[in-house]
Amino acid sequence: MIPERLILASASPRRRELFSLLEVPFMAAAADVDEGIEKGESPHEMVCRLSLAKARAVALSYPEGLIVAADTTVALDGDVLGKPADEAEAVAMLRRLRGREHTVLSGVTVYHPAPHLSPPQGWGGWGGQAITELAESTVLMRAYSDEEAARYAASGDPLDKAGAYAIQHHDFSPVERIGGCYANVMGLPLCHLARALAQFGVTLTVDVPQVCQGFTGHRCLVAGEILRR
């Protein structure tokens, strides 16, 4: 069953594209939250906390909607590499990542804010509930040159992306190898999201791994394991 009002708490074009693969009606609304890491917080804890915070922020405007939110970051040597502030910081991040393996983490939350509402017939009791999934992928960057990194940073593409890169950028093509969910590195791990939606009684009509692989062009080896959990 699909809710009448499903809200994606994101202004990201990439997340909107990925979410649209699920072929469910939705609208997108930007979430205005402070995306900084808190003292003593791990990157894993941060993305889960922020995905819930984004969902709650958007729910203030849509108290009867079912909200989907995500937060993605890059972790290297215990540090969080978020969105670069400017071109120089993007170049510095890319140089630091070059030729090394790092972790991409996403928290994905499905949230309904109104415990006083009765759920539609056929749903599990989702009023006032939040389910947060954590996705983790390992990414090995290729040994691109300083010149390539500078040219990519100058394009402006890295400035709204954690770790200052897009895995799907064909010209720069920064990634040599990935382990785990490819869509996670793009910002919205669809199988984790499908698993969370299922716990709210939302049944999707599409084959999620199939549409995801068709969109990304990446053969996924982990979808079955994720969906079986």
Protein backbone atom coordinates (compact mmCIF):
# COMPACT_ATOMS: atom_id res chain seq x y z
CA MET A 1 0.00 0.00 0.00
CA ILE A 2 1.26 3.51 -0.87
CA PRO A 3 0.43 6.52 1.33
CA GLU A 4 -1.41 9.46 -0.23
CA ARG A 5 1.35 11.84 0.82
CA LEU A 6 4.96 10.67 0.74
CA ILE A 7 7.55 13.40 1.28
CA LEU A 8 11.24 13.20 0.39
CA ALA A 9 13.08 15.52 2.79
CA SER A 10 15.75 16.60 0.33
CA ALA A 11 16.59 19.24 -2.24
CA SER A 12 19.18 16.96 -3.85
CA PRO A 13 18.57 16.23 -7.56
CA ARG A 14 20.41 12.91 -7.14
CA ARG A 15 18.15 11.78 -4.32
CA ARG A 16 15.06 12.83 -6.26
CA GLU A 17 16.26 10.83 -9.28
CA LEU A 18 16.94 7.75 -7.19
CA PHE A 19 13.68 8.02 -5.28
CA SER A 20 11.70 8.34 -8.51
CA LEU A 21 12.93 4.86 -9.49
CA LEU A 22 10.56 3.44 -6.87
CA GLU A 23 7.61 4.66 -9.00
CA VAL A 24 5.61 6.01 -6.08
CA PRO A 25 4.02 9.47 -6.00
CA PHE A 26 6.01 11.88 -3.85
CA MET A 27 6.98 15.48 -3.38
CA ALA A 28 10.33 16.87 -2.28
CA ALA A 29 10.90 19.46 0.43
CA ALA A 30 14.28 20.74 1.61
CA ALA A 31 15.23 20.12 5.24
CA ASP A 32 16.94 22.99 7.03
CA VAL A 33 19.15 21.45 9.71
CA ASP A 34 22.69 21.97 10.98
CA GLU A 35 24.69 19.15 9.40
CA GLY A 36 27.72 19.41 11.66
CA ILE A 37 29.05 16.53 13.72
CA GLU A 38 28.52 16.67 17.49
CA LYS A 39 31.30 16.25 20.03
CA GLY A 40 32.11 12.59 20.66
CA GLU A 41 29.81 11.41 17.88
CA SER A 42 30.92 8.76 15.40
CA PRO A 43 30.26 9.20 11.66
CA HIS A 44 27.78 6.30 11.89
CA GLU A 45 25.88 8.02 14.69
CA MET A 46 25.98 11.35 12.87
CA VAL A 47 24.30 10.21 9.65
CA CYS A 48 21.56 8.38 11.55
CA ARG A 49 20.92 11.39 13.81
CA LEU A 50 20.86 13.82 10.89
CA SER A 51 18.54 11.72 8.76
CA LEU A 52 16.03 11.67 11.62
CA ALA A 53 16.53 15.40 12.25
CA LYS A 54 15.84 16.15 8.58
CA ALA A 55 12.69 14.03 8.66
CA ARG A 56 11.42 15.79 11.78
CA ALA A 57 12.22 19.22 10.35
CA VAL A 58 10.19 18.58 7.20
CA ALA A 59 7.39 16.92 9.19
CA LEU A 60 6.66 20.29 10.82
CA SER A 61 5.22 21.39 7.47
CA TYR A 62 3.69 18.00 6.59
CA PRO A 63 2.36 16.54 9.86
CA GLU A 64 0.22 13.95 8.09
CA GLY A 65 2.85 12.83 5.58
CA LEU A 66 5.13 9.83 5.60
CA ILE A 67 8.59 11.38 5.51
CA VAL A 68 11.74 9.90 3.96
CA ALA A 69 15.09 11.53 4.77
CA ALA A 70 18.74 10.66 4.27
CA ASP A 71 22.15 11.92 5.25
CA THR A 72 25.39 10.79 3.64
CA THR A 73 29.01 11.38 4.58
CA VAL A 74 32.51 10.19 3.80
CA ALA A 75 34.71 8.87 6.61
CA LEU A 76 38.50 8.60 6.33
CA ASP A 77 40.92 7.90 9.17
CA GLY A 78 38.12 8.57 11.66
CA ASP A 79 37.41 12.01 10.18
CA VAL A 80 34.19 13.13 8.53
CA LEU A 81 34.62 14.66 5.09
CA GLY A 82 31.42 16.57 4.44
CA LYS A 83 30.61 19.04 1.69
CA PRO A 84 33.58 21.28 0.90
CA ALA A 85 33.17 24.97 1.65
CA ASP A 86 34.94 26.08 -1.51
CA GLU A 87 37.06 24.96 -4.46
CA ALA A 88 40.29 24.89 -2.43
CA GLU A 89 38.78 22.62 0.19
CA ALA A 90 37.40 20.35 -2.53
CA VAL A 91 40.90 19.97 -4.01
CA ALA A 92 42.33 19.23 -0.55
CA MET A 93 39.71 16.53 0.07
CA LEU A 94 40.29 14.93 -3.31
CA ARG A 95 44.04 14.83 -2.76
CA ARG A 96 43.53 13.25 0.64
CA LEU A 97 41.23 10.57 -0.79
CA ARG A 98 43.37 9.83 -3.86
CA GLY A 99 44.52 6.21 -4.14
CA ARG A 100 43.00 5.32 -0.78
CA GLU A 101 40.03 3.42 0.52
CA HIS A 102 37.37 5.22 2.55
CA THR A 103 33.89 4.56 3.88
CA VAL A 104 30.65 6.12 2.70
CA LEU A 105 27.86 6.09 5.27
CA SER A 106 24.19 6.93 4.86
CA GLY A 107 21.45 7.11 7.43
CA VAL A 108 17.97 6.66 5.92
CA THR A 109 14.90 7.43 8.01
CA VAL A 110 11.22 6.79 7.34
CA TYR A 111 9.13 8.79 9.78
CA HIS A 112 5.52 9.57 10.52
CA PRO A 113 5.12 12.37 13.05
CA ALA A 114 1.48 12.15 14.11
CA PRO A 115 0.77 9.51 16.78
CA HIS A 116 -2.80 10.79 17.15
CA LEU A 117 -3.70 9.67 13.63
CA SER A 118 -5.03 6.24 12.84
CA PRO A 119 -3.06 4.48 10.10
CA PRO A 120 -4.86 3.56 6.89
CA GLN A 121 -6.39 0.10 6.76
CA GLY A 122 -3.78 -2.53 5.94
CA TRP A 123 -0.88 -0.65 7.50
CA GLY A 124 1.04 -1.54 10.59
CA GLY A 125 0.69 1.07 13.34
CA TRP A 126 3.09 3.67 12.05
CA GLY A 127 1.79 6.81 13.75
CA GLY A 128 4.63 8.57 15.57
CA GLN A 129 7.20 5.99 14.54
CA ALA A 130 10.66 6.36 13.00
CA ILE A 131 12.77 3.65 11.41
CA THR A 132 16.38 4.45 10.56
CA GLU A 133 18.61 2.24 8.44
CA LEU A 134 22.40 2.55 8.16
CA ALA A 135 24.15 1.80 4.87
CA GLU A 136 27.92 1.42 4.61
CA SER A 137 30.04 1.11 1.47
CA THR A 138 33.81 0.97 0.97
CA VAL A 139 35.25 2.98 -1.89
CA LEU A 140 38.74 2.88 -3.36
CA MET A 141 39.69 6.01 -5.29
CA ARG A 142 41.90 5.85 -8.36
CA ALA A 143 45.24 7.64 -8.55
CA TYR A 144 44.03 10.71 -10.44
CA SER A 145 46.47 13.58 -10.95
CA ASP A 146 46.55 16.95 -9.19
CA GLU A 147 45.54 18.50 -12.50
CA GLU A 148 42.48 16.26 -12.80
CA ALA A 149 41.42 17.03 -9.22
CA ALA A 150 41.83 20.78 -9.76
CA ARG A 151 39.88 20.70 -13.01
CA TYR A 152 37.04 18.75 -11.42
CA ALA A 153 36.93 21.08 -8.40
CA ALA A 154 36.83 24.10 -10.72
CA SER A 155 33.70 22.67 -12.39
CA GLY A 156 31.75 23.31 -9.19
CA ASP A 157 30.35 19.78 -9.14
CA PRO A 158 32.01 18.73 -5.85
CA LEU A 159 30.70 21.63 -3.78
CA ASP A 160 27.39 20.02 -2.77
CA LYS A 161 28.78 16.52 -2.27
CA ALA A 162 30.23 14.78 0.78
CA GLY A 163 33.89 14.03 0.18
CA ALA A 164 33.90 16.44 -2.78
CA TYR A 165 33.07 13.87 -5.46
CA ALA A 166 30.27 12.18 -7.34
CA ILE A 167 30.86 8.50 -8.05
CA GLN A 168 28.73 8.79 -11.20
CA HIS A 169 30.67 11.69 -12.74
CA HIS A 170 31.74 10.27 -16.11
CA ASP A 171 34.44 12.80 -16.99
CA PHE A 172 36.29 12.66 -13.67
CA SER A 173 35.37 9.03 -12.87
CA PRO A 174 37.18 9.08 -9.49
CA VAL A 175 36.41 5.58 -8.19
CA GLU A 176 38.47 2.47 -8.92
CA ARG A 177 36.47 -0.03 -6.88
CA ILE A 178 33.41 -0.12 -4.63
CA GLY A 179 32.27 -2.65 -2.08
CA GLY A 180 28.65 -2.47 -0.97
CA CYS A 181 25.75 -0.37 -2.22
CA TYR A 182 26.48 1.95 -5.16
CA ALA A 183 23.32 4.02 -4.64
CA ASN A 184 24.50 4.65 -1.08
CA VAL A 185 27.53 6.49 -2.47
CA MET A 186 25.15 8.57 -4.60
CA GLY A 187 23.20 9.48 -1.46
CA LEU A 188 20.15 7.20 -1.22
CA PRO A 189 20.60 3.44 -0.66
CA LEU A 190 17.40 2.14 -2.23
CA CYS A 191 17.36 -1.38 -0.81
CA HIS A 192 17.79 -0.03 2.73
CA LEU A 193 14.98 2.43 2.03
CA ALA A 194 12.74 -0.31 0.64
CA ARG A 195 13.37 -2.36 3.78
CA ALA A 196 12.39 0.57 5.99
CA LEU A 197 9.28 1.34 3.96
CA ALA A 198 8.20 -2.30 4.19
CA GLN A 199 8.18 -1.98 7.98
CA PHE A 200 5.55 0.73 7.54
CA GLY A 201 3.51 -1.57 5.33
CA VAL A 202 4.51 0.18 2.10
CA THR A 203 4.64 -2.37 -0.71
CA LEU A 204 6.64 -1.33 -3.76
CA THR A 205 5.64 -2.67 -7.16
CA VAL A 206 9.08 -2.38 -8.77
CA ASP A 207 12.03 -4.74 -8.49
CA VAL A 208 14.27 -2.39 -6.52
CA PRO A 209 17.65 -4.02 -7.30
CA GLN A 210 16.75 -4.24 -10.98
CA VAL A 211 15.72 -0.59 -11.39
CA CYS A 212 18.69 0.58 -9.32
CA GLN A 213 21.18 -1.39 -11.42
CA GLY A 214 19.52 -0.19 -14.61
CA PHE A 215 19.90 3.42 -13.50
CA THR A 216 23.44 3.25 -12.12
CA GLY A 217 24.86 0.77 -14.63
CA HIS A 218 26.56 -0.97 -11.70
CA ARG A 219 26.10 -4.69 -11.07
CA CYS A 220 25.05 -5.02 -7.43
CA LEU A 221 26.25 -7.97 -5.36
CA VAL A 222 24.68 -6.99 -2.03
CA ALA A 223 21.01 -6.25 -2.77
CA GLY A 224 19.77 -9.74 -1.91
CA GLU A 225 21.59 -9.75 1.41
CA ILE A 226 20.25 -6.31 2.35
CA LEU A 227 16.66 -7.14 1.50
CA ARG A 228 16.77 -10.44 3.41
CA ARG A 229 17.75 -8.81 6.71
